[in-house]
Amino acid sequence: MNDCIIRGDLANVRVGRHCVVKSRSVIRPPFKKFSKGVAFFPLHIGDHVFIEEDCVVNAAQIGSYVHVGKNCVIGRRCVLKDCCKILDNTVLPPETVVP
């Protein structure tokens, strides 16, 4: 879609088959701050994932068959397991696990 950003220059971002990222969404690999700087970690997105408009995703892992609603913020190092739905306007704090 238009105006999507996937920051594969920071760390590996693997996107599965049949995924859709809608307009104005940003996907960044998760990071952790250390005393000597910042380290980025890989992000894995499973198959059949749908990310709606205006989302910011910093997750560590997104399973298969996941739907992320409009205007969501997925915090650093979150894990979204298979077959879950994140409703519109949801903000997940860092390191949240959604079963």
Protein backbone atom coordinates (compact mmCIF):
# COMPACT_ATOMS: atom_id res chain seq x y z
CA MET A 1 0.00 0.00 0.00
CA ASN A 2 1.00 3.67 -0.08
CA ASP A 3 3.40 5.29 2.38
CA CYS A 4 4.34 2.14 4.30
CA ILE A 5 7.74 1.93 5.95
CA ILE A 6 9.46 -1.35 6.80
CA ARG A 7 12.83 -0.66 8.46
CA GLY A 8 14.83 -3.64 7.23
CA ASP A 9 18.02 -1.57 7.40
CA LEU A 10 18.09 -1.75 11.22
CA ALA A 11 17.80 -5.55 11.57
CA ASN A 12 16.36 -8.51 9.67
CA VAL A 13 12.62 -8.31 9.06
CA ARG A 14 11.07 -11.54 7.76
CA VAL A 15 7.56 -11.26 6.37
CA GLY A 16 5.55 -14.40 5.61
CA ARG A 17 3.28 -15.16 2.70
CA HIS A 18 0.05 -13.31 1.92
CA CYS A 19 0.64 -10.39 4.32
CA VAL A 20 -0.92 -6.95 3.89
CA VAL A 21 0.40 -3.70 5.39
CA LYS A 22 -1.98 -0.80 4.80
CA SER A 23 -1.22 2.90 4.29
CA ARG A 24 0.90 5.01 6.65
CA SER A 25 2.00 2.06 8.81
CA VAL A 26 5.55 1.71 10.15
CA ILE A 27 7.18 -1.63 10.93
CA ARG A 28 10.46 -1.47 12.85
CA PRO A 29 12.48 -4.26 14.44
CA PRO A 30 12.54 -4.20 18.25
CA PHE A 31 15.43 -2.58 20.08
CA LYS A 32 16.96 -2.48 23.52
CA LYS A 33 19.00 0.33 25.04
CA PHE A 34 22.31 -0.48 26.69
CA SER A 35 24.83 1.76 28.40
CA LYS A 36 27.01 1.64 25.27
CA GLY A 37 24.26 2.15 22.71
CA VAL A 38 21.25 0.52 21.13
CA ALA A 39 20.88 -3.03 19.78
CA PHE A 40 18.22 -4.02 17.25
CA PHE A 41 16.80 -7.55 17.09
CA PRO A 42 15.17 -9.46 14.21
CA LEU A 43 11.42 -9.26 13.61
CA HIS A 44 9.48 -12.24 12.26
CA ILE A 45 5.99 -11.83 10.82
CA GLY A 46 4.08 -15.03 10.00
CA ASP A 47 1.73 -15.85 7.13
CA HIS A 48 -1.65 -14.21 6.47
CA VAL A 49 -1.03 -11.15 8.67
CA PHE A 50 -3.13 -8.02 8.06
CA ILE A 51 -1.94 -4.68 9.49
CA GLU A 52 -4.42 -1.81 9.06
CA GLU A 53 -3.73 1.91 8.47
CA ASP A 54 -1.69 4.21 10.74
CA CYS A 55 -0.05 1.48 12.86
CA VAL A 56 3.37 1.48 14.49
CA VAL A 57 4.78 -2.00 15.07
CA ASN A 58 7.92 -2.66 17.14
CA ALA A 59 7.09 -6.30 17.95
CA ALA A 60 9.62 -9.11 18.25
CA GLN A 61 7.30 -11.66 16.69
CA ILE A 62 3.90 -11.73 15.03
CA GLY A 63 2.40 -15.16 14.45
CA SER A 64 0.27 -16.33 11.54
CA TYR A 65 -3.37 -15.31 10.96
CA VAL A 66 -3.06 -12.08 12.97
CA HIS A 67 -5.15 -8.95 12.37
CA VAL A 68 -3.92 -5.61 13.75
CA GLY A 69 -6.62 -2.92 13.72
CA LYS A 70 -6.38 0.72 12.65
CA ASN A 71 -4.23 3.22 14.56
CA CYS A 72 -2.55 0.64 16.83
CA VAL A 73 0.82 0.87 18.54
CA ILE A 74 2.55 -2.44 19.24
CA GLY A 75 5.34 -1.79 21.76
CA ARG A 76 8.94 -2.99 21.75
CA ARG A 77 9.58 -6.72 21.90
CA CYS A 78 5.88 -7.65 22.03
CA VAL A 79 4.88 -11.13 20.92
CA LEU A 80 1.58 -11.64 19.11
CA LYS A 81 0.87 -15.38 18.90
CA ASP A 82 -1.08 -17.13 16.14
CA CYS A 83 -4.75 -16.36 15.42
CA CYS A 84 -5.17 -13.18 17.47
CA LYS A 85 -6.91 -9.89 16.71
CA ILE A 86 -5.79 -6.51 18.01
CA LEU A 87 -8.72 -4.07 18.02
CA ASP A 88 -8.61 -0.54 16.59
CA ASN A 89 -6.76 2.15 18.62
CA THR A 90 -5.02 -0.39 20.88
CA VAL A 91 -1.70 0.48 22.52
CA LEU A 92 0.32 -2.51 23.76
CA PRO A 93 3.09 -1.67 26.25
CA PRO A 94 6.59 -3.09 25.71
CA GLU A 95 7.18 -6.83 26.18
CA THR A 96 3.47 -7.75 26.14
CA VAL A 97 2.57 -11.29 25.07
CA VAL A 98 -0.83 -11.73 23.41
CA PRO A 99 -1.87 -15.42 23.42
